[in-house]
Amino acid sequence: QVQLVESGGGLVQAGGSLRLSCAASGRTFSVARMGWFRQAPRKEREFVATIDTSGGRTYYADSVKGRFTISRENAKNTVYLQINSLKPEDTAVYYCAAAVITTRGITYDYWGQGTQVTVSS
């Protein structure tokens, strides 16, 4: 099992910045990728960014490219999401997730509790 705890959310003005953290514990050696997702009120959860645990390859949703940066500190089993140039539409609960390679493929099987990001105009 893998446990994930997000932190760093808060209330910021449009144009401001935040850095979200995701601390992983448990069987972290089994994690192949870690990612960030977000869910706004009355909307489905959407993909934000992902990073490979070993090679560090990253991928971003088009809506956040150029503004968000995902990074990692493997020694701390921690993944970060640097969020710049925040927009009101970025307001959501942000979730950290961990993907494990199994016989059924790579899926995000583990999720954190979420951290609220609210962007005011």
C-alpha atoms as a PDB file:
ATOM      1  CA  GLN A   1       0.000   0.000   0.000  1.00  0.00           C
ATOM      2  CA  VAL A   2       1.004   3.600  -0.634  1.00  0.00           C
ATOM      3  CA  GLN A   3      -0.182   6.547   1.407  1.00  0.00           C
ATOM      4  CA  LEU A   4      -0.187  10.071  -0.013  1.00  0.00           C
ATOM      5  CA  VAL A   5      -0.610  13.359   1.824  1.00  0.00           C
ATOM      6  CA  GLU A   6      -0.980  16.664  -0.018  1.00  0.00           C
ATOM      7  CA  SER A   7      -0.258  20.080   1.424  1.00  0.00           C
ATOM      8  CA  GLY A   8       0.356  23.646   0.316  1.00  0.00           C
ATOM      9  CA  GLY A   9      -3.053  24.733  -0.875  1.00  0.00           C
ATOM     10  CA  GLY A  10      -4.633  27.998   0.090  1.00  0.00           C
ATOM     11  CA  LEU A  11      -6.300  31.203  -1.017  1.00  0.00           C
ATOM     12  CA  VAL A  12      -4.337  33.345  -3.460  1.00  0.00           C
ATOM     13  CA  GLN A  13      -5.031  36.205  -5.826  1.00  0.00           C
ATOM     14  CA  ALA A  14      -5.047  35.758  -9.574  1.00  0.00           C
ATOM     15  CA  GLY A  15      -1.511  35.930 -10.900  1.00  0.00           C
ATOM     16  CA  GLY A  16      -0.050  34.565  -7.705  1.00  0.00           C
ATOM     17  CA  SER A  17       1.809  31.332  -7.060  1.00  0.00           C
ATOM     18  CA  LEU A  18       1.600  28.252  -4.878  1.00  0.00           C
ATOM     19  CA  ARG A  19       3.687  25.151  -4.401  1.00  0.00           C
ATOM     20  CA  LEU A  20       1.841  21.968  -3.576  1.00  0.00           C
ATOM     21  CA  SER A  21       3.591  19.034  -1.952  1.00  0.00           C
ATOM     22  CA  CYS A  22       2.753  15.347  -1.943  1.00  0.00           C
ATOM     23  CA  ALA A  23       4.520  13.129   0.565  1.00  0.00           C
ATOM     24  CA  ALA A  24       4.404   9.400  -0.131  1.00  0.00           C
ATOM     25  CA  SER A  25       4.897   6.619   2.368  1.00  0.00           C
ATOM     26  CA  GLY A  26       4.498   2.872   2.515  1.00  0.00           C
ATOM     27  CA  ARG A  27       5.506   0.763  -0.466  1.00  0.00           C
ATOM     28  CA  THR A  28       6.898   3.702  -2.412  1.00  0.00           C
ATOM     29  CA  PHE A  29       9.405   1.497  -4.227  1.00  0.00           C
ATOM     30  CA  SER A  30       6.537   0.094  -6.247  1.00  0.00           C
ATOM     31  CA  VAL A  31       5.449   3.486  -7.625  1.00  0.00           C
ATOM     32  CA  ALA A  32       6.203   4.047 -11.298  1.00  0.00           C
ATOM     33  CA  ARG A  33       4.577   7.463 -11.748  1.00  0.00           C
ATOM     34  CA  MET A  34       3.121  10.184  -9.630  1.00  0.00           C
ATOM     35  CA  GLY A  35       0.645  12.719 -10.805  1.00  0.00           C
ATOM     36  CA  TRP A  36      -1.555  15.627  -9.908  1.00  0.00           C
ATOM     37  CA  PHE A  37      -5.254  15.836 -10.653  1.00  0.00           C
ATOM     38  CA  ARG A  38      -7.828  18.446  -9.771  1.00  0.00           C
ATOM     39  CA  GLN A  39     -11.562  18.641  -9.385  1.00  0.00           C
ATOM     40  CA  ALA A  40     -13.560  21.845  -9.488  1.00  0.00           C
ATOM     41  CA  PRO A  41     -17.101  22.075  -8.115  1.00  0.00           C
ATOM     42  CA  ARG A  42     -19.632  20.304 -10.328  1.00  0.00           C
ATOM     43  CA  LYS A  43     -16.910  19.118 -12.674  1.00  0.00           C
ATOM     44  CA  GLU A  44     -15.184  15.815 -13.244  1.00  0.00           C
ATOM     45  CA  ARG A  45     -11.717  15.189 -11.923  1.00  0.00           C
ATOM     46  CA  GLU A  46      -9.138  16.095 -14.560  1.00  0.00           C
ATOM     47  CA  PHE A  47      -5.503  15.288 -15.168  1.00  0.00           C
ATOM     48  CA  VAL A  48      -2.977  18.036 -14.467  1.00  0.00           C
ATOM     49  CA  ALA A  49       0.563  16.640 -14.634  1.00  0.00           C
ATOM     50  CA  THR A  50       2.584  13.469 -14.172  1.00  0.00           C
ATOM     51  CA  ILE A  51       6.208  12.562 -13.555  1.00  0.00           C
ATOM     52  CA  ASP A  52       7.960   9.212 -13.879  1.00  0.00           C
ATOM     53  CA  THR A  53       9.591   8.045 -10.674  1.00  0.00           C
ATOM     54  CA  SER A  54      12.761   6.727 -12.316  1.00  0.00           C
ATOM     55  CA  GLY A  55      13.438   8.812 -15.409  1.00  0.00           C
ATOM     56  CA  GLY A  56      11.710  12.034 -14.442  1.00  0.00           C
ATOM     57  CA  ARG A  57       9.748  12.383 -17.681  1.00  0.00           C
ATOM     58  CA  THR A  58       6.888  14.822 -17.344  1.00  0.00           C
ATOM     59  CA  TYR A  59       3.601  15.451 -19.058  1.00  0.00           C
ATOM     60  CA  TYR A  60       1.149  18.309 -18.625  1.00  0.00           C
ATOM     61  CA  ALA A  61      -2.417  19.027 -19.501  1.00  0.00           C
ATOM     62  CA  ASP A  62      -2.719  21.744 -22.141  1.00  0.00           C
ATOM     63  CA  SER A  63      -4.568  23.978 -19.720  1.00  0.00           C
ATOM     64  CA  VAL A  64      -1.568  24.242 -17.390  1.00  0.00           C
ATOM     65  CA  LYS A  65       1.421  24.078 -19.741  1.00  0.00           C
ATOM     66  CA  GLY A  66       3.811  26.943 -19.170  1.00  0.00           C
ATOM     67  CA  ARG A  67       2.350  27.759 -15.769  1.00  0.00           C
ATOM     68  CA  PHE A  68       2.635  24.551 -13.745  1.00  0.00           C
ATOM     69  CA  THR A  69       5.798  22.569 -13.063  1.00  0.00           C
ATOM     70  CA  ILE A  70       5.905  19.099 -11.543  1.00  0.00           C
ATOM     71  CA  SER A  71       9.097  17.983  -9.828  1.00  0.00           C
ATOM     72  CA  ARG A  72      10.307  15.379  -7.379  1.00  0.00           C
ATOM     73  CA  GLU A  73      12.707  14.656  -4.544  1.00  0.00           C
ATOM     74  CA  ASN A  74      13.111  10.909  -4.597  1.00  0.00           C
ATOM     75  CA  ALA A  75      15.082  10.800  -1.349  1.00  0.00           C
ATOM     76  CA  LYS A  76      12.102  12.353   0.413  1.00  0.00           C
ATOM     77  CA  ASN A  77       9.494  10.433  -1.576  1.00  0.00           C
ATOM     78  CA  THR A  78       7.922  13.783  -2.331  1.00  0.00           C
ATOM     79  CA  VAL A  79       6.456  15.291  -5.479  1.00  0.00           C
ATOM     80  CA  TYR A  80       5.782  18.994  -5.933  1.00  0.00           C
ATOM     81  CA  LEU A  81       3.559  21.055  -8.145  1.00  0.00           C
ATOM     82  CA  GLN A  82       4.707  24.635  -8.635  1.00  0.00           C
ATOM     83  CA  ILE A  83       1.760  26.693  -9.783  1.00  0.00           C
ATOM     84  CA  ASN A  84       2.406  30.133 -11.283  1.00  0.00           C
ATOM     85  CA  SER A  85       0.206  32.756 -12.895  1.00  0.00           C
ATOM     86  CA  LEU A  86      -2.847  31.384 -11.167  1.00  0.00           C
ATOM     87  CA  LYS A  87      -6.226  31.950 -12.754  1.00  0.00           C
ATOM     88  CA  PRO A  88      -9.666  31.768 -11.146  1.00  0.00           C
ATOM     89  CA  GLU A  89     -10.389  28.693 -13.255  1.00  0.00           C
ATOM     90  CA  ASP A  90      -7.550  26.921 -11.440  1.00  0.00           C
ATOM     91  CA  THR A  91      -9.724  26.852  -8.327  1.00  0.00           C
ATOM     92  CA  ALA A  92     -10.193  23.208  -7.383  1.00  0.00           C
ATOM     93  CA  VAL A  93      -9.279  20.493  -4.961  1.00  0.00           C
ATOM     94  CA  TYR A  94      -5.900  19.191  -6.062  1.00  0.00           C
ATOM     95  CA  TYR A  95      -5.166  15.504  -5.571  1.00  0.00           C
ATOM     96  CA  CYS A  96      -1.898  13.643  -5.656  1.00  0.00           C
ATOM     97  CA  ALA A  97      -1.927  10.125  -7.089  1.00  0.00           C
ATOM     98  CA  ALA A  98       0.555   7.275  -7.449  1.00  0.00           C
ATOM     99  CA  ALA A  99       0.599   4.760 -10.274  1.00  0.00           C
ATOM    100  CA  VAL A 100       1.863   1.207  -9.949  1.00  0.00           C
ATOM    101  CA  ILE A 101       2.749  -1.141 -12.792  1.00  0.00           C
ATOM    102  CA  THR A 102       0.707  -4.317 -12.618  1.00  0.00           C
ATOM    103  CA  THR A 103      -0.352  -7.030 -15.023  1.00  0.00           C
ATOM    104  CA  ARG A 104      -3.317  -4.848 -15.909  1.00  0.00           C
ATOM    105  CA  GLY A 105      -1.152  -1.886 -16.848  1.00  0.00           C
ATOM    106  CA  ILE A 106      -0.262   1.416 -15.219  1.00  0.00           C
ATOM    107  CA  THR A 107      -3.082   2.936 -13.222  1.00  0.00           C
ATOM    108  CA  TYR A 108      -3.371   5.548 -10.493  1.00  0.00           C
ATOM    109  CA  ASP A 109      -4.335   3.226  -7.683  1.00  0.00           C
ATOM    110  CA  TYR A 110      -3.466   5.449  -4.719  1.00  0.00           C
ATOM    111  CA  TRP A 111      -4.815   8.894  -3.936  1.00  0.00           C
ATOM    112  CA  GLY A 112      -4.288  11.558  -1.334  1.00  0.00           C
ATOM    113  CA  GLN A 113      -6.982  13.423   0.547  1.00  0.00           C
ATOM    114  CA  GLY A 114      -6.693  16.550  -1.574  1.00  0.00           C
ATOM    115  CA  THR A 115      -5.710  20.136  -0.875  1.00  0.00           C
ATOM    116  CA  GLN A 116      -7.894  23.128  -1.720  1.00  0.00           C
ATOM    117  CA  VAL A 117      -6.609  25.821  -4.059  1.00  0.00           C
ATOM    118  CA  THR A 118      -8.792  28.905  -4.330  1.00  0.00           C
ATOM    119  CA  VAL A 119      -7.912  31.750  -6.680  1.00  0.00           C
ATOM    120  CA  SER A 120      -9.644  35.089  -6.254  1.00  0.00           C
ATOM    121  CA  SER A 121     -10.005  37.750  -8.929  1.00  0.00           C
END
